[in-house]
PDB file of N, CA and C in Angstrom:
ATOM      1  N   MET A   1       0.836  -1.175   0.000  1.00  0.00           N
ATOM      2  CA  MET A   1       0.000   0.000   0.000  1.00  0.00           C
ATOM      3  C   MET A   1       0.884   1.242   0.000  1.00  0.00           C
ATOM      4  N   ALA A   2       0.530   2.210  -0.807  1.00  0.00           N
ATOM      5  CA  ALA A   2       1.269   3.472  -0.858  1.00  0.00           C
ATOM      6  C   ALA A   2       1.024   4.265   0.424  1.00  0.00           C
ATOM      7  N   THR A   3       1.964   5.132   0.750  1.00  0.00           N
ATOM      8  CA  THR A   3       1.856   5.982   1.933  1.00  0.00           C
ATOM      9  C   THR A   3       1.689   7.423   1.492  1.00  0.00           C
ATOM     10  N   GLU A   4       0.676   8.082   2.036  1.00  0.00           N
ATOM     11  CA  GLU A   4       0.436   9.483   1.714  1.00  0.00           C
ATOM     12  C   GLU A   4       1.125  10.372   2.736  1.00  0.00           C
ATOM     13  N   LEU A   5       1.904  11.323   2.233  1.00  0.00           N
ATOM     14  CA  LEU A   5       2.586  12.301   3.070  1.00  0.00           C
ATOM     15  C   LEU A   5       2.163  13.690   2.627  1.00  0.00           C
ATOM     16  N   VAL A   6       2.401  14.658   3.494  1.00  0.00           N
ATOM     17  CA  VAL A   6       2.135  16.052   3.163  1.00  0.00           C
ATOM     18  C   VAL A   6       3.361  16.868   3.542  1.00  0.00           C
ATOM     19  N   LEU A   7       3.782  17.729   2.639  1.00  0.00           N
ATOM     20  CA  LEU A   7       4.831  18.699   2.935  1.00  0.00           C
ATOM     21  C   LEU A   7       4.135  20.008   3.272  1.00  0.00           C
ATOM     22  N   LEU A   8       4.357  20.497   4.475  1.00  0.00           N
ATOM     23  CA  LEU A   8       3.812  21.780   4.914  1.00  0.00           C
ATOM     24  C   LEU A   8       4.952  22.778   4.894  1.00  0.00           C
ATOM     25  N   SER A   9       4.766  23.860   4.148  1.00  0.00           N
ATOM     26  CA  SER A   9       5.858  24.819   3.983  1.00  0.00           C
ATOM     27  C   SER A   9       5.312  26.202   3.665  1.00  0.00           C
ATOM     28  N   ASP A  10       6.204  27.161   3.650  1.00  0.00           N
ATOM     29  CA  ASP A  10       5.878  28.513   3.205  1.00  0.00           C
ATOM     30  C   ASP A  10       6.488  28.802   1.837  1.00  0.00           C
ATOM     31  N   VAL A  11       7.328  27.895   1.367  1.00  0.00           N
ATOM     32  CA  VAL A  11       8.026  28.047   0.089  1.00  0.00           C
ATOM     33  C   VAL A  11       7.592  26.901  -0.826  1.00  0.00           C
ATOM     34  N   PRO A  12       7.199  27.195  -2.068  1.00  0.00           N
ATOM     35  CA  PRO A  12       6.761  26.122  -2.963  1.00  0.00           C
ATOM     36  C   PRO A  12       7.918  25.248  -3.449  1.00  0.00           C
ATOM     37  N   ILE A  13       7.591  23.992  -3.678  1.00  0.00           N
ATOM     38  CA  ILE A  13       8.542  23.049  -4.266  1.00  0.00           C
ATOM     39  C   ILE A  13       8.653  23.363  -5.759  1.00  0.00           C
ATOM     40  N   THR A  14       9.858  23.461  -6.253  1.00  0.00           N
ATOM     41  CA  THR A  14      10.099  23.661  -7.681  1.00  0.00           C
ATOM     42  C   THR A  14      10.783  22.414  -8.237  1.00  0.00           C
ATOM     43  N   VAL A  15      10.838  22.315  -9.546  1.00  0.00           N
ATOM     44  CA  VAL A  15      11.551  21.200 -10.164  1.00  0.00           C
ATOM     45  C   VAL A  15      13.032  21.272  -9.796  1.00  0.00           C
ATOM     46  N   ASP A  16      13.590  22.466  -9.721  1.00  0.00           N
ATOM     47  CA  ASP A  16      14.998  22.603  -9.316  1.00  0.00           C
ATOM     48  C   ASP A  16      15.219  22.091  -7.897  1.00  0.00           C
ATOM     49  N   ALA A  17      14.306  22.401  -6.986  1.00  0.00           N
ATOM     50  CA  ALA A  17      14.415  21.897  -5.610  1.00  0.00           C
ATOM     51  C   ALA A  17      14.306  20.377  -5.597  1.00  0.00           C
ATOM     52  N   GLN A  18      13.430  19.831  -6.424  1.00  0.00           N
ATOM     53  CA  GLN A  18      13.295  18.378  -6.507  1.00  0.00           C
ATOM     54  C   GLN A  18      14.582  17.751  -7.043  1.00  0.00           C
ATOM     55  N   ARG A  19      15.175  18.395  -8.028  1.00  0.00           N
ATOM     56  CA  ARG A  19      16.423  17.885  -8.616  1.00  0.00           C
ATOM     57  C   ARG A  19      17.534  17.866  -7.561  1.00  0.00           C
ATOM     58  N   ARG A  20      17.657  18.950  -6.792  1.00  0.00           N
ATOM     59  CA  ARG A  20      18.687  19.001  -5.744  1.00  0.00           C
ATOM     60  C   ARG A  20      18.438  17.943  -4.674  1.00  0.00           C
ATOM     61  N   ALA A  21      17.197  17.765  -4.278  1.00  0.00           N
ATOM     62  CA  ALA A  21      16.866  16.761  -3.265  1.00  0.00           C
ATOM     63  C   ALA A  21      17.145  15.353  -3.780  1.00  0.00           C
ATOM     64  N   LEU A  22      16.800  15.088  -5.027  1.00  0.00           N
ATOM     65  CA  LEU A  22      17.065  13.777  -5.623  1.00  0.00           C
ATOM     66  C   LEU A  22      18.561  13.512  -5.675  1.00  0.00           C
ATOM     67  N   GLN A  23      19.330  14.515  -6.057  1.00  0.00           N
ATOM     68  CA  GLN A  23      20.794  14.388  -6.094  1.00  0.00           C
ATOM     69  C   GLN A  23      21.342  14.071  -4.703  1.00  0.00           C
ATOM     70  N   ARG A  24      20.845  14.781  -3.703  1.00  0.00           N
ATOM     71  CA  ARG A  24      21.340  14.585  -2.336  1.00  0.00           C
ATOM     72  C   ARG A  24      20.935  13.219  -1.774  1.00  0.00           C
ATOM     73  N   ALA A  25      19.693  12.815  -2.029  1.00  0.00           N
ATOM     74  CA  ALA A  25      19.191  11.570  -1.447  1.00  0.00           C
ATOM     75  C   ALA A  25      19.639  10.326  -2.206  1.00  0.00           C
ATOM     76  N   GLU A  26      19.742  10.432  -3.530  1.00  0.00           N
ATOM     77  CA  GLU A  26      20.000   9.248  -4.355  1.00  0.00           C
ATOM     78  C   GLU A  26      21.299   9.312  -5.151  1.00  0.00           C
ATOM     79  N   GLY A  27      21.835  10.493  -5.335  1.00  0.00           N
ATOM     80  CA  GLY A  27      23.016  10.636  -6.175  1.00  0.00           C
ATOM     81  C   GLY A  27      22.656  10.898  -7.624  1.00  0.00           C
ATOM     82  N   ARG A  28      21.779  10.073  -8.171  1.00  0.00           N
ATOM     83  CA  ARG A  28      21.321  10.234  -9.554  1.00  0.00           C
ATOM     84  C   ARG A  28      19.856   9.849  -9.622  1.00  0.00           C
ATOM     85  N   GLY A  29      19.253  10.154 -10.729  1.00  0.00           N
ATOM     86  CA  GLY A  29      17.858   9.790 -10.937  1.00  0.00           C
ATOM     87  C   GLY A  29      17.230  10.697 -11.975  1.00  0.00           C
ATOM     88  N   ARG A  30      15.922  10.554 -12.138  1.00  0.00           N
ATOM     89  CA  ARG A  30      15.196  11.346 -13.131  1.00  0.00           C
ATOM     90  C   ARG A  30      13.935  11.924 -12.505  1.00  0.00           C
ATOM     91  N   ILE A  31      13.502  13.026 -13.065  1.00  0.00           N
ATOM     92  CA  ILE A  31      12.237  13.627 -12.669  1.00  0.00           C
ATOM     93  C   ILE A  31      11.342  13.629 -13.894  1.00  0.00           C
ATOM     94  N   LEU A  32      10.185  13.006 -13.769  1.00  0.00           N
ATOM     95  CA  LEU A  32       9.212  12.950 -14.852  1.00  0.00           C
ATOM     96  C   LEU A  32       8.073  13.894 -14.500  1.00  0.00           C
ATOM     97  N   GLU A  33       7.845  14.874 -15.349  1.00  0.00           N
ATOM     98  CA  GLU A  33       6.824  15.882 -15.085  1.00  0.00           C
ATOM     99  C   GLU A  33       5.591  15.569 -15.928  1.00  0.00           C
ATOM    100  N   PHE A  34       4.414  15.644 -15.309  1.00  0.00           N
ATOM    101  CA  PHE A  34       3.168  15.317 -15.980  1.00  0.00           C
ATOM    102  C   PHE A  34       2.184  16.475 -15.893  1.00  0.00           C
ATOM    103  N   ARG A  35       1.362  16.577 -16.919  1.00  0.00           N
ATOM    104  CA  ARG A  35       0.259  17.538 -16.964  1.00  0.00           C
ATOM    105  C   ARG A  35       0.701  18.951 -16.628  1.00  0.00           C
ATOM    106  N   GLY A  36       1.781  19.369 -17.273  1.00  0.00           N
ATOM    107  CA  GLY A  36       2.248  20.737 -17.110  1.00  0.00           C
ATOM    108  C   GLY A  36       2.721  21.073 -15.708  1.00  0.00           C
ATOM    109  N   GLY A  37       3.227  20.078 -15.000  1.00  0.00           N
ATOM    110  CA  GLY A  37       3.740  20.316 -13.652  1.00  0.00           C
ATOM    111  C   GLY A  37       2.738  20.040 -12.554  1.00  0.00           C
ATOM    112  N   GLU A  38       1.570  19.512 -12.919  1.00  0.00           N
ATOM    113  CA  GLU A  38       0.565  19.194 -11.907  1.00  0.00           C
ATOM    114  C   GLU A  38       1.100  18.165 -10.910  1.00  0.00           C
ATOM    115  N   PHE A  39       1.900  17.234 -11.407  1.00  0.00           N
ATOM    116  CA  PHE A  39       2.605  16.324 -10.510  1.00  0.00           C
ATOM    117  C   PHE A  39       3.862  15.811 -11.190  1.00  0.00           C
ATOM    118  N   THR A  40       4.804  15.371 -10.352  1.00  0.00           N
ATOM    119  CA  THR A  40       6.059  14.813 -10.840  1.00  0.00           C
ATOM    120  C   THR A  40       6.300  13.475 -10.168  1.00  0.00           C
ATOM    121  N   SER A  41       7.012  12.617 -10.866  1.00  0.00           N
ATOM    122  CA  SER A  41       7.471  11.354 -10.297  1.00  0.00           C
ATOM    123  C   SER A  41       8.984  11.399 -10.245  1.00  0.00           C
ATOM    124  N   LEU A  42       9.525  11.094  -9.092  1.00  0.00           N
ATOM    125  CA  LEU A  42      10.970  11.059  -8.915  1.00  0.00           C
ATOM    126  C   LEU A  42      11.403   9.605  -8.963  1.00  0.00           C
ATOM    127  N   VAL A  43      12.345   9.318  -9.849  1.00  0.00           N
ATOM    128  CA  VAL A  43      12.759   7.957 -10.156  1.00  0.00           C
ATOM    129  C   VAL A  43      14.243   7.814  -9.849  1.00  0.00           C
ATOM    130  N   GLY A  44      14.604   6.716  -9.186  1.00  0.00           N
ATOM    131  CA  GLY A  44      15.998   6.460  -8.855  1.00  0.00           C
ATOM    132  C   GLY A  44      16.814   6.069 -10.074  1.00  0.00           C
ATOM    133  N   ALA A  45      18.127   6.022  -9.909  1.00  0.00           N
ATOM    134  CA  ALA A  45      19.037   5.672 -11.001  1.00  0.00           C
ATOM    135  C   ALA A  45      18.746   4.277 -11.549  1.00  0.00           C
ATOM    136  N   ASP A  46      18.206   3.396 -10.697  1.00  0.00           N
ATOM    137  CA  ASP A  46      17.888   2.032 -11.125  1.00  0.00           C
ATOM    138  C   ASP A  46      16.514   1.926 -11.785  1.00  0.00           C
ATOM    139  N   GLY A  47      15.825   3.068 -11.952  1.00  0.00           N
ATOM    140  CA  GLY A  47      14.512   3.065 -12.586  1.00  0.00           C
ATOM    141  C   GLY A  47      13.351   2.882 -11.631  1.00  0.00           C
ATOM    142  N   SER A  48      13.630   2.731 -10.342  1.00  0.00           N
ATOM    143  CA  SER A  48      12.547   2.525  -9.382  1.00  0.00           C
ATOM    144  C   SER A  48      11.855   3.847  -9.049  1.00  0.00           C
ATOM    145  N   HIS A  49      10.541   3.781  -8.974  1.00  0.00           N
ATOM    146  CA  HIS A  49       9.736   4.952  -8.625  1.00  0.00           C
ATOM    147  C   HIS A  49       9.882   5.190  -7.124  1.00  0.00           C
ATOM    148  N   LEU A  50      10.336   6.382  -6.750  1.00  0.00           N
ATOM    149  CA  LEU A  50      10.611   6.697  -5.349  1.00  0.00           C
ATOM    150  C   LEU A  50       9.529   7.542  -4.695  1.00  0.00           C
ATOM    151  N   LEU A  51       8.996   8.513  -5.442  1.00  0.00           N
ATOM    152  CA  LEU A  51       8.087   9.479  -4.828  1.00  0.00           C
ATOM    153  C   LEU A  51       7.298  10.201  -5.916  1.00  0.00           C
ATOM    154  N   THR A  52       6.022  10.440  -5.646  1.00  0.00           N
ATOM    155  CA  THR A  52       5.204  11.300  -6.491  1.00  0.00           C
ATOM    156  C   THR A  52       4.935  12.579  -5.715  1.00  0.00           C
ATOM    157  N   VAL A  53       5.131  13.718  -6.369  1.00  0.00           N
ATOM    158  CA  VAL A  53       4.938  15.022  -5.734  1.00  0.00           C
ATOM    159  C   VAL A  53       3.898  15.798  -6.535  1.00  0.00           C
ATOM    160  N   HIS A  54       2.839  16.217  -5.865  1.00  0.00           N
ATOM    161  CA  HIS A  54       1.795  17.017  -6.503  1.00  0.00           C
ATOM    162  C   HIS A  54       2.112  18.499  -6.347  1.00  0.00           C
ATOM    163  N   ALA A  55       1.566  19.310  -7.225  1.00  0.00           N
ATOM    164  CA  ALA A  55       1.788  20.758  -7.156  1.00  0.00           C
ATOM    165  C   ALA A  55       1.264  21.297  -5.825  1.00  0.00           C
ATOM    166  N   PRO A  56       1.977  22.240  -5.214  1.00  0.00           N
ATOM    167  CA  PRO A  56       1.538  22.799  -3.934  1.00  0.00           C
ATOM    168  C   PRO A  56       0.217  23.557  -4.066  1.00  0.00           C
ATOM    169  N   LYS A  57      -0.546  23.527  -3.000  1.00  0.00           N
ATOM    170  CA  LYS A  57      -1.810  24.261  -2.921  1.00  0.00           C
ATOM    171  C   LYS A  57      -1.707  25.272  -1.786  1.00  0.00           C
ATOM    172  N   VAL A  58      -2.239  26.457  -2.015  1.00  0.00           N
ATOM    173  CA  VAL A  58      -2.282  27.475  -0.969  1.00  0.00           C
ATOM    174  C   VAL A  58      -3.340  27.070   0.052  1.00  0.00           C
ATOM    175  N   ILE A  59      -2.990  27.151   1.317  1.00  0.00           N
ATOM    176  CA  ILE A  59      -3.924  26.801   2.393  1.00  0.00           C
ATOM    177  C   ILE A  59      -4.987  27.893   2.501  1.00  0.00           C
ATOM    178  N   GLN A  60      -6.231  27.511   2.323  1.00  0.00           N
ATOM    179  CA  GLN A  60      -7.349  28.449   2.451  1.00  0.00           C
ATOM    180  C   GLN A  60      -7.965  28.396   3.849  1.00  0.00           C
ATOM    181  N   LEU A  61      -8.024  27.190   4.425  1.00  0.00           N
ATOM    182  CA  LEU A  61      -8.625  26.989   5.746  1.00  0.00           C
ATOM    183  C   LEU A  61      -7.596  26.311   6.649  1.00  0.00           C
ATOM    184  N   PRO A  62      -6.743  27.093   7.315  1.00  0.00           N
ATOM    185  CA  PRO A  62      -5.645  26.528   8.111  1.00  0.00           C
ATOM    186  C   PRO A  62      -6.089  25.522   9.173  1.00  0.00           C
ATOM    187  N   ASP A  63      -7.213  25.758   9.828  1.00  0.00           N
ATOM    188  CA  ASP A  63      -7.662  24.831  10.871  1.00  0.00           C
ATOM    189  C   ASP A  63      -8.016  23.467  10.291  1.00  0.00           C
ATOM    190  N   GLU A  64      -8.673  23.455   9.138  1.00  0.00           N
ATOM    191  CA  GLU A  64      -9.019  22.187   8.502  1.00  0.00           C
ATOM    192  C   GLU A  64      -7.768  21.461   8.019  1.00  0.00           C
ATOM    193  N   ALA A  65      -6.831  22.199   7.462  1.00  0.00           N
ATOM    194  CA  ALA A  65      -5.585  21.588   7.000  1.00  0.00           C
ATOM    195  C   ALA A  65      -4.816  21.006   8.178  1.00  0.00           C
ATOM    196  N   ALA A  66      -4.722  21.737   9.270  1.00  0.00           N
ATOM    197  CA  ALA A  66      -4.001  21.260  10.456  1.00  0.00           C
ATOM    198  C   ALA A  66      -4.655  20.008  11.026  1.00  0.00           C
ATOM    199  N   ALA A  67      -5.976  19.926  10.963  1.00  0.00           N
ATOM    200  CA  ALA A  67      -6.686  18.766  11.501  1.00  0.00           C
ATOM    201  C   ALA A  67      -6.481  17.513  10.653  1.00  0.00           C
ATOM    202  N   ALA A  68      -6.000  17.662   9.429  1.00  0.00           N
ATOM    203  CA  ALA A  68      -5.842  16.524   8.521  1.00  0.00           C
ATOM    204  C   ALA A  68      -4.502  15.814   8.650  1.00  0.00           C
ATOM    205  N   VAL A  69      -3.578  16.371   9.446  1.00  0.00           N
ATOM    206  CA  VAL A  69      -2.269  15.750   9.617  1.00  0.00           C
ATOM    207  C   VAL A  69      -2.030  15.427  11.085  1.00  0.00           C
ATOM    208  N   VAL A  70      -1.084  14.533  11.329  1.00  0.00           N
ATOM    209  CA  VAL A  70      -0.832  14.025  12.677  1.00  0.00           C
ATOM    210  C   VAL A  70      -0.318  15.110  13.613  1.00  0.00           C
ATOM    211  N   SER A  71       0.674  15.873  13.188  1.00  0.00           N
ATOM    212  CA  SER A  71       1.311  16.835  14.090  1.00  0.00           C
ATOM    213  C   SER A  71       1.664  18.120  13.331  1.00  0.00           C
ATOM    214  N   PRO A  72       0.689  18.986  13.094  1.00  0.00           N
ATOM    215  CA  PRO A  72       0.940  20.165  12.261  1.00  0.00           C
ATOM    216  C   PRO A  72       1.829  21.200  12.948  1.00  0.00           C
ATOM    217  N   PRO A  73       2.601  21.939  12.159  1.00  0.00           N
ATOM    218  CA  PRO A  73       3.364  23.057  12.726  1.00  0.00           C
ATOM    219  C   PRO A  73       2.409  24.204  13.064  1.00  0.00           C
ATOM    220  N   ARG A  74       2.920  25.196  13.740  1.00  0.00           N
ATOM    221  CA  ARG A  74       2.083  26.331  14.151  1.00  0.00           C
ATOM    222  C   ARG A  74       1.565  27.131  12.965  1.00  0.00           C
ATOM    223  N   SER A  75       2.377  27.277  11.946  1.00  0.00           N
ATOM    224  CA  SER A  75       1.915  28.015  10.768  1.00  0.00           C
ATOM    225  C   SER A  75       2.546  27.426   9.510  1.00  0.00           C
ATOM    226  N   PHE A  76       1.812  27.520   8.434  1.00  0.00           N
ATOM    227  CA  PHE A  76       2.288  27.089   7.123  1.00  0.00           C
ATOM    228  C   PHE A  76       1.331  27.649   6.086  1.00  0.00           C
ATOM    229  N   ALA A  77       1.825  27.908   4.900  1.00  0.00           N
ATOM    230  CA  ALA A  77       1.008  28.521   3.848  1.00  0.00           C
ATOM    231  C   ALA A  77       0.682  27.563   2.707  1.00  0.00           C
ATOM    232  N   LEU A  78       1.533  26.536   2.528  1.00  0.00           N
ATOM    233  CA  LEU A  78       1.374  25.637   1.383  1.00  0.00           C
ATOM    234  C   LEU A  78       1.233  24.186   1.824  1.00  0.00           C
ATOM    235  N   TRP A  79       0.442  23.459   1.082  1.00  0.00           N
ATOM    236  CA  TRP A  79       0.176  22.040   1.305  1.00  0.00           C
ATOM    237  C   TRP A  79       0.589  21.318   0.033  1.00  0.00           C
ATOM    238  N   THR A  80       1.581  20.424   0.124  1.00  0.00           N
ATOM    239  CA  THR A  80       2.042  19.671  -1.039  1.00  0.00           C
ATOM    240  C   THR A  80       1.871  18.186  -0.745  1.00  0.00           C
ATOM    241  N   GLU A  81       1.004  17.530  -1.495  1.00  0.00           N
ATOM    242  CA  GLU A  81       0.778  16.100  -1.297  1.00  0.00           C
ATOM    243  C   GLU A  81       1.869  15.300  -1.982  1.00  0.00           C
ATOM    244  N   MET A  82       2.290  14.224  -1.296  1.00  0.00           N
ATOM    245  CA  MET A  82       3.306  13.315  -1.819  1.00  0.00           C
ATOM    246  C   MET A  82       2.844  11.888  -1.566  1.00  0.00           C
ATOM    247  N   THR A  83       3.255  10.990  -2.449  1.00  0.00           N
ATOM    248  CA  THR A  83       2.934   9.581  -2.278  1.00  0.00           C
ATOM    249  C   THR A  83       4.206   8.761  -2.414  1.00  0.00           C
ATOM    250  N   VAL A  84       4.461   7.952  -1.391  1.00  0.00           N
ATOM    251  CA  VAL A  84       5.574   7.005  -1.424  1.00  0.00           C
ATOM    252  C   VAL A  84       4.987   5.675  -1.889  1.00  0.00           C
ATOM    253  N   PRO A  85       5.451   5.127  -3.010  1.00  0.00           N
ATOM    254  CA  PRO A  85       4.867   3.892  -3.521  1.00  0.00           C
ATOM    255  C   PRO A  85       5.184   2.685  -2.642  1.00  0.00           C
ATOM    256  N   PHE A  86       4.375   1.659  -2.808  1.00  0.00           N
ATOM    257  CA  PHE A  86       4.596   0.400  -2.111  1.00  0.00           C
ATOM    258  C   PHE A  86       5.920  -0.193  -2.566  1.00  0.00           C
ATOM    259  N   GLY A  87       6.597  -0.848  -1.686  1.00  0.00           N
ATOM    260  CA  GLY A  87       7.871  -1.483  -2.033  1.00  0.00           C
ATOM    261  C   GLY A  87       8.896  -1.214  -0.965  1.00  0.00           C
ATOM    262  N   VAL A  88       9.851  -0.377  -1.279  1.00  0.00           N
ATOM    263  CA  VAL A  88      10.907  -0.015  -0.330  1.00  0.00           C
ATOM    264  C   VAL A  88      10.679   1.447   0.064  1.00  0.00           C
ATOM    265  N   PRO A  89       9.858   1.694   1.084  1.00  0.00           N
ATOM    266  CA  PRO A  89       9.477   3.067   1.399  1.00  0.00           C
ATOM    267  C   PRO A  89      10.588   3.935   1.980  1.00  0.00           C
ATOM    268  N   GLU A  90      11.639   3.321   2.509  1.00  0.00           N
ATOM    269  CA  GLU A  90      12.696   4.109   3.151  1.00  0.00           C
ATOM    270  C   GLU A  90      13.306   5.128   2.193  1.00  0.00           C
ATOM    271  N   ASN A  91      13.526   4.740   0.951  1.00  0.00           N
ATOM    272  CA  ASN A  91      14.106   5.664  -0.028  1.00  0.00           C
ATOM    273  C   ASN A  91      13.154   6.821  -0.324  1.00  0.00           C
ATOM    274  N   GLY A  92      11.878   6.528  -0.427  1.00  0.00           N
ATOM    275  CA  GLY A  92      10.885   7.577  -0.663  1.00  0.00           C
ATOM    276  C   GLY A  92      10.783   8.539   0.504  1.00  0.00           C
ATOM    277  N   TYR A  93      10.811   7.996   1.730  1.00  0.00           N
ATOM    278  CA  TYR A  93      10.771   8.857   2.921  1.00  0.00           C
ATOM    279  C   TYR A  93      12.001   9.752   2.979  1.00  0.00           C
ATOM    280  N   ALA A  94      13.164   9.195   2.696  1.00  0.00           N
ATOM    281  CA  ALA A  94      14.405   9.984   2.719  1.00  0.00           C
ATOM    282  C   ALA A  94      14.342  11.097   1.679  1.00  0.00           C
ATOM    283  N   LEU A  95      13.798  10.803   0.523  1.00  0.00           N
ATOM    284  CA  LEU A  95      13.669  11.807  -0.524  1.00  0.00           C
ATOM    285  C   LEU A  95      12.672  12.893  -0.114  1.00  0.00           C
ATOM    286  N   ALA A  96      11.563  12.503   0.494  1.00  0.00           N
ATOM    287  CA  ALA A  96      10.585  13.486   0.977  1.00  0.00           C
ATOM    288  C   ALA A  96      11.219  14.417   2.005  1.00  0.00           C
ATOM    289  N   GLU A  97      12.009  13.862   2.908  1.00  0.00           N
ATOM    290  CA  GLU A  97      12.691  14.690   3.913  1.00  0.00           C
ATOM    291  C   GLU A  97      13.708  15.621   3.256  1.00  0.00           C
ATOM    292  N   ALA A  98      14.392  15.141   2.224  1.00  0.00           N
ATOM    293  CA  ALA A  98      15.343  15.996   1.504  1.00  0.00           C
ATOM    294  C   ALA A  98      14.611  17.150   0.811  1.00  0.00           C
ATOM    295  N   LEU A  99      13.427  16.872   0.273  1.00  0.00           N
ATOM    296  CA  LEU A  99      12.621  17.932  -0.335  1.00  0.00           C
ATOM    297  C   LEU A  99      12.195  18.963   0.705  1.00  0.00           C
ATOM    298  N   ALA A 100      11.774  18.485   1.864  1.00  0.00           N
ATOM    299  CA  ALA A 100      11.377  19.401   2.940  1.00  0.00           C
ATOM    300  C   ALA A 100      12.541  20.298   3.338  1.00  0.00           C
ATOM    301  N   ALA A 101      13.728  19.730   3.408  1.00  0.00           N
ATOM    302  CA  ALA A 101      14.910  20.518   3.768  1.00  0.00           C
ATOM    303  C   ALA A 101      15.196  21.594   2.721  1.00  0.00           C
ATOM    304  N   GLU A 102      14.929  21.290   1.456  1.00  0.00           N
ATOM    305  CA  GLU A 102      15.169  22.260   0.381  1.00  0.00           C
ATOM    306  C   GLU A 102      14.331  23.525   0.538  1.00  0.00           C
ATOM    307  N   VAL A 103      13.124  23.387   1.102  1.00  0.00           N
ATOM    308  CA  VAL A 103      12.223  24.544   1.204  1.00  0.00           C
ATOM    309  C   VAL A 103      11.945  24.959   2.647  1.00  0.00           C
ATOM    310  N   GLY A 104      12.664  24.366   3.591  1.00  0.00           N
ATOM    311  CA  GLY A 104      12.455  24.720   4.994  1.00  0.00           C
ATOM    312  C   GLY A 104      11.096  24.288   5.507  1.00  0.00           C
ATOM    313  N   GLY A 105      10.585  23.182   4.967  1.00  0.00           N
ATOM    314  CA  GLY A 105       9.265  22.692   5.352  1.00  0.00           C
ATOM    315  C   GLY A 105       9.338  21.481   6.253  1.00  0.00           C
ATOM    316  N   ARG A 106       8.197  20.854   6.417  1.00  0.00           N
ATOM    317  CA  ARG A 106       8.082  19.718   7.323  1.00  0.00           C
ATOM    318  C   ARG A 106       7.180  18.656   6.702  1.00  0.00           C
ATOM    319  N   ILE A 107       7.608  17.397   6.813  1.00  0.00           N
ATOM    320  CA  ILE A 107       6.828  16.264   6.314  1.00  0.00           C
ATOM    321  C   ILE A 107       5.926  15.751   7.432  1.00  0.00           C
ATOM    322  N   GLU A 108       4.670  15.524   7.089  1.00  0.00           N
ATOM    323  CA  GLU A 108       3.698  14.969   8.029  1.00  0.00           C
ATOM    324  C   GLU A 108       2.939  13.838   7.354  1.00  0.00           C
ATOM    325  N   LYS A 109       2.510  12.875   8.161  1.00  0.00           N
ATOM    326  CA  LYS A 109       1.628  11.827   7.655  1.00  0.00           C
ATOM    327  C   LYS A 109       0.195  12.326   7.754  1.00  0.00           C
ATOM    328  N   ARG A 110      -0.597  11.919   6.779  1.00  0.00           N
ATOM    329  CA  ARG A 110      -2.023  12.265   6.820  1.00  0.00           C
ATOM    330  C   ARG A 110      -2.722  11.371   7.820  1.00  0.00           C
ATOM    331  N   LYS A 111      -3.781  11.896   8.403  1.00  0.00           N
ATOM    332  CA  LYS A 111      -4.592  11.091   9.336  1.00  0.00           C
ATOM    333  C   LYS A 111      -5.425  10.109   8.558  1.00  0.00           C
TER     334      LYS A 111
END
């Protein structure tokens, strides 16, 4: 079963930030962009799918957004959904954390 994560941040994820995070977490890999950037798939050097990242959304109702995650930060402006595929989730989690570090955000599990 895939695992749904959320990146809570004030800075949007860009393809460049994803590239830097992929380089740091995996060394090499590819980024596949779909539907004009609506979502991207980050793929390891061995061709394995590591993480899907959806385009960030501006938080309209902070209380509802905070209630949807396990341990929300005090403030955040953007909600970015991520999915770690079934298989070897450790690599996907490490990549998600590297992405969060790129934008000064925080990874949370959805309730």
